[in-house]
Amino acid sequence: MILGIGTDLIEVERVAEKMEKKAGFKELVFSPAEIIYCEAKTNKYEHYAARFAAKEAFLKAIGTGWITGTAFNEIEVLPDADGKPELHFLGTTAETVSKMKTGNIFVSLSHLKSVASAMVIIEKS
C-alpha cells in the first residue's frame, strides 16, 4: 500500500546560482558523497538539481514537508550498483524517518539542461 507520493520540478540555473553565490549552500543541502558524485559529472548542476528535487519530493511524499529532525544534507540520493537512484538517510534524519515506519522508497530522477525533476513513492511497511 502506498503511504505517499511526491514530485518536484526545479530550474537547474536556480540551483547553480545558489551554489555559486551563497557560500556553504552546497554543504548545507548535499551530503559529502553526493558532492563527490555530482562534481565528477560534466553537467554537475543538472545532477545537483535532480537531487535537490528528490529531497523536496521525499518531503512531500511523507506528507509533512520539512519537519524538525530532518536536514537536507542528511537525505542522500546516490545510484546503486546498477545506476538506479536510491534514497539514503543519515544522522538525525535517519532516526526521524525510521520512526515513520516507511516501507520501500522509490525515486526517479530526470534532468535536462534547464530543468530537473524527481518523483518519490513511499510504501507503508
C-alpha atoms as a PDB file:
ATOM      1  CA  MET A   1       0.000   0.000   0.000  1.00  0.00           C
ATOM      2  CA  ILE A   2       1.267   3.476  -0.850  1.00  0.00           C
ATOM      3  CA  LEU A   3       1.974   5.824   2.033  1.00  0.00           C
ATOM      4  CA  GLY A   4       2.751   8.855  -0.130  1.00  0.00           C
ATOM      5  CA  ILE A   5       3.790  10.230  -3.488  1.00  0.00           C
ATOM      6  CA  GLY A   6       5.821  13.378  -4.014  1.00  0.00           C
ATOM      7  CA  THR A   7       7.096  15.167  -7.079  1.00  0.00           C
ATOM      8  CA  ASP A   8       9.220  18.249  -7.627  1.00  0.00           C
ATOM      9  CA  LEU A   9      10.481  20.292 -10.546  1.00  0.00           C
ATOM     10  CA  ILE A  10      13.302  22.834 -10.344  1.00  0.00           C
ATOM     11  CA  GLU A  11      15.263  25.048 -12.711  1.00  0.00           C
ATOM     12  CA  VAL A  12      18.896  23.949 -12.945  1.00  0.00           C
ATOM     13  CA  GLU A  13      20.083  27.554 -13.178  1.00  0.00           C
ATOM     14  CA  ARG A  14      18.413  28.381  -9.853  1.00  0.00           C
ATOM     15  CA  VAL A  15      20.453  25.695  -8.101  1.00  0.00           C
ATOM     16  CA  ALA A  16      23.649  26.715  -9.926  1.00  0.00           C
ATOM     17  CA  GLU A  17      23.206  30.371  -8.933  1.00  0.00           C
ATOM     18  CA  LYS A  18      22.679  29.487  -5.268  1.00  0.00           C
ATOM     19  CA  MET A  19      25.762  27.298  -5.258  1.00  0.00           C
ATOM     20  CA  GLU A  20      27.917  29.940  -6.966  1.00  0.00           C
ATOM     21  CA  LYS A  21      26.753  32.905  -4.858  1.00  0.00           C
ATOM     22  CA  LYS A  22      25.989  31.522  -1.413  1.00  0.00           C
ATOM     23  CA  ALA A  23      28.962  30.122   0.499  1.00  0.00           C
ATOM     24  CA  GLY A  24      28.102  26.919   2.328  1.00  0.00           C
ATOM     25  CA  PHE A  25      24.898  26.249   0.369  1.00  0.00           C
ATOM     26  CA  LYS A  26      26.339  23.104  -1.225  1.00  0.00           C
ATOM     27  CA  GLU A  27      27.317  21.589   2.148  1.00  0.00           C
ATOM     28  CA  LEU A  28      24.007  22.610   3.739  1.00  0.00           C
ATOM     29  CA  VAL A  29      21.958  20.828   1.070  1.00  0.00           C
ATOM     30  CA  PHE A  30      24.095  17.913  -0.146  1.00  0.00           C
ATOM     31  CA  SER A  31      25.937  15.102   1.622  1.00  0.00           C
ATOM     32  CA  PRO A  32      29.691  14.687   1.105  1.00  0.00           C
ATOM     33  CA  ALA A  33      29.041  11.597  -1.058  1.00  0.00           C
ATOM     34  CA  GLU A  34      26.551  13.498  -3.235  1.00  0.00           C
ATOM     35  CA  ILE A  35      29.058  16.317  -3.706  1.00  0.00           C
ATOM     36  CA  ILE A  36      31.742  13.866  -4.827  1.00  0.00           C
ATOM     37  CA  TYR A  37      29.279  12.211  -7.218  1.00  0.00           C
ATOM     38  CA  CYS A  38      27.961  15.453  -8.764  1.00  0.00           C
ATOM     39  CA  GLU A  39      31.351  17.163  -9.030  1.00  0.00           C
ATOM     40  CA  ALA A  40      32.595  14.256 -11.159  1.00  0.00           C
ATOM     41  CA  LYS A  41      29.838  14.851 -13.739  1.00  0.00           C
ATOM     42  CA  THR A  42      30.232  17.007 -16.859  1.00  0.00           C
ATOM     43  CA  ASN A  43      26.914  18.786 -16.262  1.00  0.00           C
ATOM     44  CA  LYS A  44      27.162  18.799 -12.491  1.00  0.00           C
ATOM     45  CA  TYR A  45      24.421  21.338 -11.839  1.00  0.00           C
ATOM     46  CA  GLU A  46      21.859  19.121 -13.557  1.00  0.00           C
ATOM     47  CA  HIS A  47      22.778  16.326 -11.141  1.00  0.00           C
ATOM     48  CA  TYR A  48      22.683  18.631  -8.126  1.00  0.00           C
ATOM     49  CA  ALA A  49      19.280  19.966  -9.213  1.00  0.00           C
ATOM     50  CA  ALA A  50      17.851  16.459  -9.672  1.00  0.00           C
ATOM     51  CA  ARG A  51      18.970  15.546  -6.156  1.00  0.00           C
ATOM     52  CA  PHE A  52      17.504  18.743  -4.731  1.00  0.00           C
ATOM     53  CA  ALA A  53      14.204  17.879  -6.441  1.00  0.00           C
ATOM     54  CA  ALA A  54      14.313  14.352  -4.982  1.00  0.00           C
ATOM     55  CA  LYS A  55      14.758  15.709  -1.462  1.00  0.00           C
ATOM     56  CA  GLU A  56      11.776  18.022  -1.948  1.00  0.00           C
ATOM     57  CA  ALA A  57       9.724  15.183  -3.460  1.00  0.00           C
ATOM     58  CA  PHE A  58      10.540  12.945  -0.485  1.00  0.00           C
ATOM     59  CA  LEU A  59       9.392  15.587   1.989  1.00  0.00           C
ATOM     60  CA  LYS A  60       6.151  15.950   0.028  1.00  0.00           C
ATOM     61  CA  ALA A  61       5.679  12.170  -0.070  1.00  0.00           C
ATOM     62  CA  ILE A  62       5.897  11.838   3.713  1.00  0.00           C
ATOM     63  CA  GLY A  63       3.074  14.379   3.852  1.00  0.00           C
ATOM     64  CA  THR A  64       4.682  16.808   6.246  1.00  0.00           C
ATOM     65  CA  GLY A  65       7.148  18.864   4.264  1.00  0.00           C
ATOM     66  CA  TRP A  66      10.302  19.849   6.080  1.00  0.00           C
ATOM     67  CA  ILE A  67       9.958  18.864   9.738  1.00  0.00           C
ATOM     68  CA  THR A  68      12.115  19.101  12.835  1.00  0.00           C
ATOM     69  CA  GLY A  69      14.546  16.211  12.858  1.00  0.00           C
ATOM     70  CA  THR A  70      15.301  16.332   9.142  1.00  0.00           C
ATOM     71  CA  ALA A  71      18.108  18.030   7.265  1.00  0.00           C
ATOM     72  CA  PHE A  72      18.568  18.322   3.524  1.00  0.00           C
ATOM     73  CA  ASN A  73      22.163  17.110   3.617  1.00  0.00           C
ATOM     74  CA  GLU A  74      21.036  14.012   5.537  1.00  0.00           C
ATOM     75  CA  ILE A  75      18.662  12.970   2.744  1.00  0.00           C
ATOM     76  CA  GLU A  76      21.089  11.427   0.297  1.00  0.00           C
ATOM     77  CA  VAL A  77      20.420  10.423  -3.315  1.00  0.00           C
ATOM     78  CA  LEU A  78      23.039   8.118  -4.816  1.00  0.00           C
ATOM     79  CA  PRO A  79      22.992   5.446  -7.505  1.00  0.00           C
ATOM     80  CA  ASP A  80      23.057   1.763  -6.643  1.00  0.00           C
ATOM     81  CA  ALA A  81      25.477  -0.633  -8.379  1.00  0.00           C
ATOM     82  CA  ASP A  82      23.286  -0.607 -11.500  1.00  0.00           C
ATOM     83  CA  GLY A  83      22.959   3.197 -11.597  1.00  0.00           C
ATOM     84  CA  LYS A  84      19.406   3.312 -10.204  1.00  0.00           C
ATOM     85  CA  PRO A  85      18.944   6.242  -7.795  1.00  0.00           C
ATOM     86  CA  GLU A  86      18.258   5.398  -4.167  1.00  0.00           C
ATOM     87  CA  LEU A  87      17.389   7.484  -1.130  1.00  0.00           C
ATOM     88  CA  HIS A  88      19.553   7.022   1.957  1.00  0.00           C
ATOM     89  CA  PHE A  89      19.098   8.763   5.290  1.00  0.00           C
ATOM     90  CA  LEU A  90      21.895   9.884   7.569  1.00  0.00           C
ATOM     91  CA  GLY A  91      22.182  11.155  11.149  1.00  0.00           C
ATOM     92  CA  THR A  92      19.119  12.594  12.854  1.00  0.00           C
ATOM     93  CA  THR A  93      17.112  12.348   9.647  1.00  0.00           C
ATOM     94  CA  ALA A  94      17.651   8.562   9.620  1.00  0.00           C
ATOM     95  CA  GLU A  95      16.266   8.372  13.157  1.00  0.00           C
ATOM     96  CA  THR A  96      13.270  10.546  12.258  1.00  0.00           C
ATOM     97  CA  VAL A  97      12.453   8.532   9.122  1.00  0.00           C
ATOM     98  CA  SER A  98      12.800   5.188  10.942  1.00  0.00           C
ATOM     99  CA  LYS A  99      10.061   6.286  13.367  1.00  0.00           C
ATOM    100  CA  MET A 100       7.711   6.814  10.409  1.00  0.00           C
ATOM    101  CA  LYS A 101       7.596   3.068   9.675  1.00  0.00           C
ATOM    102  CA  THR A 102       8.068   3.539   5.949  1.00  0.00           C
ATOM    103  CA  GLY A 103       8.457   0.565   3.644  1.00  0.00           C
ATOM    104  CA  ASN A 104      10.153   0.619   0.268  1.00  0.00           C
ATOM    105  CA  ILE A 105      11.019   4.031  -1.119  1.00  0.00           C
ATOM    106  CA  PHE A 106      11.272   4.512  -4.864  1.00  0.00           C
ATOM    107  CA  VAL A 107      12.851   7.539  -6.534  1.00  0.00           C
ATOM    108  CA  SER A 108      13.029   8.573 -10.160  1.00  0.00           C
ATOM    109  CA  LEU A 109      15.190  11.455 -11.417  1.00  0.00           C
ATOM    110  CA  SER A 110      15.151  13.305 -14.708  1.00  0.00           C
ATOM    111  CA  HIS A 111      17.118  16.301 -15.897  1.00  0.00           C
ATOM    112  CA  LEU A 112      17.752  18.413 -18.949  1.00  0.00           C
ATOM    113  CA  LYS A 113      19.995  21.411 -19.419  1.00  0.00           C
ATOM    114  CA  SER A 114      17.449  23.804 -17.896  1.00  0.00           C
ATOM    115  CA  VAL A 115      15.196  21.741 -15.629  1.00  0.00           C
ATOM    116  CA  ALA A 116      15.338  18.755 -13.277  1.00  0.00           C
ATOM    117  CA  SER A 117      12.548  16.715 -11.761  1.00  0.00           C
ATOM    118  CA  ALA A 118      12.071  13.878  -9.312  1.00  0.00           C
ATOM    119  CA  MET A 119       9.295  11.623  -8.126  1.00  0.00           C
ATOM    120  CA  VAL A 120       9.264   9.653  -4.868  1.00  0.00           C
ATOM    121  CA  ILE A 121       6.850   6.894  -3.918  1.00  0.00           C
ATOM    122  CA  ILE A 122       6.802   5.549  -0.368  1.00  0.00           C
ATOM    123  CA  GLU A 123       5.145   2.285   0.580  1.00  0.00           C
ATOM    124  CA  LYS A 124       3.817   1.534   4.058  1.00  0.00           C
ATOM    125  CA  SER A 125       5.849  -1.009   5.988  1.00  0.00           C
END
